[in-house]
Amino acid sequence: MGGVLQLARRRHRSSRKMRAIVLAAGMGARMRTLNEHTHKSLLPIGNTTILGRIVDALLDINVRDILVVTGYCSRQIRSFLAERYPGSAFTFVHNQRWGETNNVVSLAMALEHSPLDCDNILIECDVLFDPALLQRLTGRKRGNVALLDRYRPGMHGTVVSVERGVITQVFPPHLQTEDFDYRDKFKTVNIYRFDKDFCRTKLKPLLSCYANVIDSGSYYEAVLGMLINMQREIVHAELVNGAQWAEVDDPNDLAAARFAFEPEQRAKILSHACGGHWNFDLLDFTFMRNMYFPADAMLAAIGRRLPALARSYGSSQEILNEKLAFTLGCRADRLQCLSGASQLFPLLPDLIPARRVLLPQPTFAEFPRWFPAHAAYQDSVGIDPDEIDARAEINDLVVIVNPNNPTGSKLATAGIHALIARHPHTTFLVDESFIAFSGDQPLLERLEREPLKNVVVVVSLSKSLGVPGLRLGYAYSCDPQLIQRLRARIPIWNLGSLAEFFLELLLKFQPEYALSIRRTVSDRCEFGTQLAGLAGVETVYPSSANFFLIRLASRGPEHAQQLVDALLTRHSIYVKDVSRKFAAPAPYLRVAVRRPAENVRLLEALAEELPSLEL
């Protein structure tokens, strides 16, 4: 079942001798795009590799007798360890059948080639972890210990149940059926300590039998589970309690692991991703959304219908427009439901041909992106409606973002309607994505009573409904020809069934939605006062949205990015540097309004980091 290569060993005195077994035989098929020519344990993390971090952690606790089971790319692993750790002792056991067997064979081989004269630490080669976790496995009187973390959505692999600090049942993936209850379960970190007597008398014989006679394609957790489930052995549970760790099974896992274990790269990773943050341990103050909506009952209803929704097409665009119109209380023939407001932006230059365009400065980046040749009116923070009025007639298109992003500045809806009415030969595009938090009436409601054809209202519903992942938005116009031109550019299935079902639920949860807006506005008031009281904050500008623009007391605009990096690296908190959006150089941040406890976390982190800036 393979050969053994023994390297020279040096004896080290230790109060309690231990051996490490590292399983590194498998190819990792789900990593194939990245490890076609490199073993996945040798993929880079920071200035080392996954395997390098494992060995470094073992050496830190004075475990120097390390047995490595190899298979795929075995020469690479042996060369890496020999070159990086020339004075350390490694025993290599090669699983020649690595492509057709599973880790039950690799662990059985490791125990067969080990003298089993001391306790063993077992680590799988695709686990990244805080080195301090290994300290929890050493110096204990009790024998068998498994590192565990409380189960969270997104975790995959073996889970266990625990009572009074002891594992009572083991559930490999094949036992986790569709109705499996994860609420009281724990995920194995794939790091164990096994007592030498247990290894010799129980684990080794059963593993060998299972690997050679019963099922060589199984996992060693199945064998361990048999012993635990039959109460033949006790394995103690050691919870990681928030310590960082990651299992790297696929490229997505690797991206999340690099975010966790390369903190200096976090800003680069997030700016490149523009979202997809659910795999990151991150408190995000850059994306603005209603933190109190959807209501828990809505999410429960979606969960119950998810199997049917995932297997169904959504309705036609006409039906979608009708369902959204019911909630908004407007005519469906004036409405176009969108897959997020961003769907509209690439269509705008053809939909509204305009040679002369007037935009607010600063504003949401998509507007200058799609109208690069434009003039600007200033939002300083506060917009002069008379300036827009004076310049509207000489422009083909005037854009108003109300409230504006990133300033939170707002114009009265009645004043905007009157402004549009005074300039019938100019087209107005009004973005009201944050209007729900302003206390003012949406322009759509005014236009339903007093229609004007020279205006298009666009709204991203992600902010007010709290569901950016569903991609919901709309465009509204009293100009039937413009709406028809827009509809001609929209595909027949433009929303998924999940987003459509959410629209249906909105009608039933209007009271909960109204309450969520009131709670957000209340939190905004308290949060703004708290931010203004921080030393190092010069101004917290009044906001009519669910975010704040902050000017730091520092004179250097570069200090805003320095603060962003410090918050990310040391606190896993993400805020937005918007300094470059302003013509006058100064350090500006934009922070979303989250729930009070989360806002306090940011306040505490800012209080710690702001004094380090040059004021």
Foldseek 3Di string as FASTA:
>chain_A
DFDKDWDDADDDDDPAAEEEEEEQAAQLVQACVPDVPHRQQQPDFPPGGLQVQVVVLCVVNPHQHYEYEYHPPRVVVVVVCCVVPVPTTYMYTYDPPNVPFDCLVSVLRVLVPDPLPHKYKYAYSQKDFDSCVVVVVPPDPDAKEFEKEQDDPPDAFKKFADDPQWTQAIAGRVNCDPPRDSRRIIDTSRIMIHGSVCSPPPLNVQSVCCCPPNGRHDHSSVSVRVCRNVVVDIHGYDYPVPTDMFGCSHPVSVLQVSVVRVLLCVVVSCVVVVDPCPSHPFAEFADAALQLPDDPVLVVVLVVCVVVQVVDFDAFQLVLLVLLCVLVVADSLQKGKALALVVCLVVVCVLQPWPEEEEEFQADPSVCVSVVPYHYAYPPVEGDVVVCLVCQQVTQEYEAEALGPPAQYHDALVVVVVSCVVRLNHAYEYEDQFVLLQPHDDNRVVCRVVNHARYKYKYGPCNLNVCVVQRIIMIGGPNSVSSVVVVVVADGRRGRSSSSVSSNCSVVCVVSSNVSSVVLNVLVVVLLVLVVPAPQWDDWHDHSGQKTKTFGPAAALVVLVVLQSQCSSPPSYHWDFPQVSDPDGTTIIMGGRHDPVSSVSVSVSCNVPSVVGDD
